[in-house]
Amino acid sequence: MRVTDVLDFFARCPACGYAAQATAVERERADGRTDATRRIGCALPCGWQDEAQTVYTIDGTPGVR
């Protein structure tokens, strides 16, 4: 598993209006696929978080997303 900050994410928290932040989580599965999800939340402790969004799934075939 690899967790990285999404540096080109520019959105605002819908709860308080402050800047939001995003984190990408990549997981390699036992069958060779790699799934990536994006988690979005408030950069302040207001507590808002969005549902995790699947960004892409790679099934082991080059170029397939």
C-alpha atoms as a PDB file:
ATOM      1  CA  MET A   1       0.000   0.000   0.000  1.00  0.00           C
ATOM      2  CA  ARG A   2       1.225   3.487  -0.859  1.00  0.00           C
ATOM      3  CA  VAL A   3      -0.277   6.724   0.498  1.00  0.00           C
ATOM      4  CA  THR A   4       0.567  10.104  -1.089  1.00  0.00           C
ATOM      5  CA  ASP A   5      -0.765  13.649  -0.853  1.00  0.00           C
ATOM      6  CA  VAL A   6      -2.487  14.938  -3.983  1.00  0.00           C
ATOM      7  CA  LEU A   7      -0.622  18.184  -4.644  1.00  0.00           C
ATOM      8  CA  ASP A   8      -2.789  19.468  -7.514  1.00  0.00           C
ATOM      9  CA  PHE A   9      -6.089  19.316  -5.603  1.00  0.00           C
ATOM     10  CA  PHE A  10      -7.692  22.745  -5.182  1.00  0.00           C
ATOM     11  CA  ALA A  11     -11.122  22.556  -3.554  1.00  0.00           C
ATOM     12  CA  ARG A  12     -12.862  24.010  -0.542  1.00  0.00           C
ATOM     13  CA  CYS A  13     -14.544  22.275   2.362  1.00  0.00           C
ATOM     14  CA  PRO A  14     -18.329  22.474   1.851  1.00  0.00           C
ATOM     15  CA  ALA A  15     -18.867  22.599   5.625  1.00  0.00           C
ATOM     16  CA  CYS A  16     -16.631  25.535   6.617  1.00  0.00           C
ATOM     17  CA  GLY A  17     -15.161  26.962   3.378  1.00  0.00           C
ATOM     18  CA  TYR A  18     -11.532  26.309   4.307  1.00  0.00           C
ATOM     19  CA  ALA A  19      -9.157  24.560   1.888  1.00  0.00           C
ATOM     20  CA  ALA A  20      -9.705  20.823   1.510  1.00  0.00           C
ATOM     21  CA  GLN A  21      -6.935  18.267   1.128  1.00  0.00           C
ATOM     22  CA  ALA A  22      -6.793  14.994  -0.785  1.00  0.00           C
ATOM     23  CA  THR A  23      -4.828  11.805  -0.256  1.00  0.00           C
ATOM     24  CA  ALA A  24      -4.357   9.009  -2.805  1.00  0.00           C
ATOM     25  CA  VAL A  25      -4.177   5.422  -1.545  1.00  0.00           C
ATOM     26  CA  GLU A  26      -2.879   2.733  -3.921  1.00  0.00           C
ATOM     27  CA  ARG A  27      -3.343  -0.929  -3.024  1.00  0.00           C
ATOM     28  CA  GLU A  28      -1.873  -3.871  -4.890  1.00  0.00           C
ATOM     29  CA  ARG A  29      -4.211  -6.864  -4.772  1.00  0.00           C
ATOM     30  CA  ALA A  30      -3.234 -10.533  -4.674  1.00  0.00           C
ATOM     31  CA  ASP A  31      -4.477 -11.041  -8.256  1.00  0.00           C
ATOM     32  CA  GLY A  32      -2.067  -8.389  -9.598  1.00  0.00           C
ATOM     33  CA  ARG A  33      -4.569  -5.519  -9.930  1.00  0.00           C
ATOM     34  CA  THR A  34      -3.793  -2.131  -8.435  1.00  0.00           C
ATOM     35  CA  ASP A  35      -6.659  -0.028  -7.086  1.00  0.00           C
ATOM     36  CA  ALA A  36      -6.346   3.665  -6.275  1.00  0.00           C
ATOM     37  CA  THR A  37      -8.779   5.650  -4.181  1.00  0.00           C
ATOM     38  CA  ARG A  38      -8.838   9.335  -3.301  1.00  0.00           C
ATOM     39  CA  ARG A  39      -9.859  10.480   0.159  1.00  0.00           C
ATOM     40  CA  ILE A  40     -10.878  14.123   0.596  1.00  0.00           C
ATOM     41  CA  GLY A  41     -11.250  16.002   3.865  1.00  0.00           C
ATOM     42  CA  CYS A  42     -11.044  19.426   5.466  1.00  0.00           C
ATOM     43  CA  ALA A  43      -7.545  20.737   6.177  1.00  0.00           C
ATOM     44  CA  LEU A  44      -8.945  22.172   9.431  1.00  0.00           C
ATOM     45  CA  PRO A  45     -10.382  20.008  12.200  1.00  0.00           C
ATOM     46  CA  CYS A  46     -14.045  20.756  11.365  1.00  0.00           C
ATOM     47  CA  GLY A  47     -14.439  17.017  10.796  1.00  0.00           C
ATOM     48  CA  TRP A  48     -15.769  16.964   7.230  1.00  0.00           C
ATOM     49  CA  GLN A  49     -14.692  14.056   5.019  1.00  0.00           C
ATOM     50  CA  ASP A  50     -16.035  12.954   1.672  1.00  0.00           C
ATOM     51  CA  GLU A  51     -16.644   9.345   0.655  1.00  0.00           C
ATOM     52  CA  ALA A  52     -13.594   7.557  -0.750  1.00  0.00           C
ATOM     53  CA  GLN A  53     -13.597   7.735  -4.558  1.00  0.00           C
ATOM     54  CA  THR A  54     -12.102   5.042  -6.777  1.00  0.00           C
ATOM     55  CA  VAL A  55      -9.752   6.810  -9.156  1.00  0.00           C
ATOM     56  CA  TYR A  56      -8.607   3.861 -11.259  1.00  0.00           C
ATOM     57  CA  THR A  57      -8.048   0.119 -11.346  1.00  0.00           C
ATOM     58  CA  ILE A  58      -5.224  -1.428 -13.314  1.00  0.00           C
ATOM     59  CA  ASP A  59      -5.774  -5.112 -14.100  1.00  0.00           C
ATOM     60  CA  GLY A  60      -2.183  -5.933 -15.010  1.00  0.00           C
ATOM     61  CA  THR A  61      -2.610  -5.140 -18.717  1.00  0.00           C
ATOM     62  CA  PRO A  62      -0.375  -2.208 -19.750  1.00  0.00           C
ATOM     63  CA  GLY A  63      -2.349   0.943 -20.488  1.00  0.00           C
ATOM     64  CA  VAL A  64      -5.692  -0.278 -19.102  1.00  0.00           C
ATOM     65  CA  ARG A  65      -7.277   2.051 -16.555  1.00  0.00           C
END
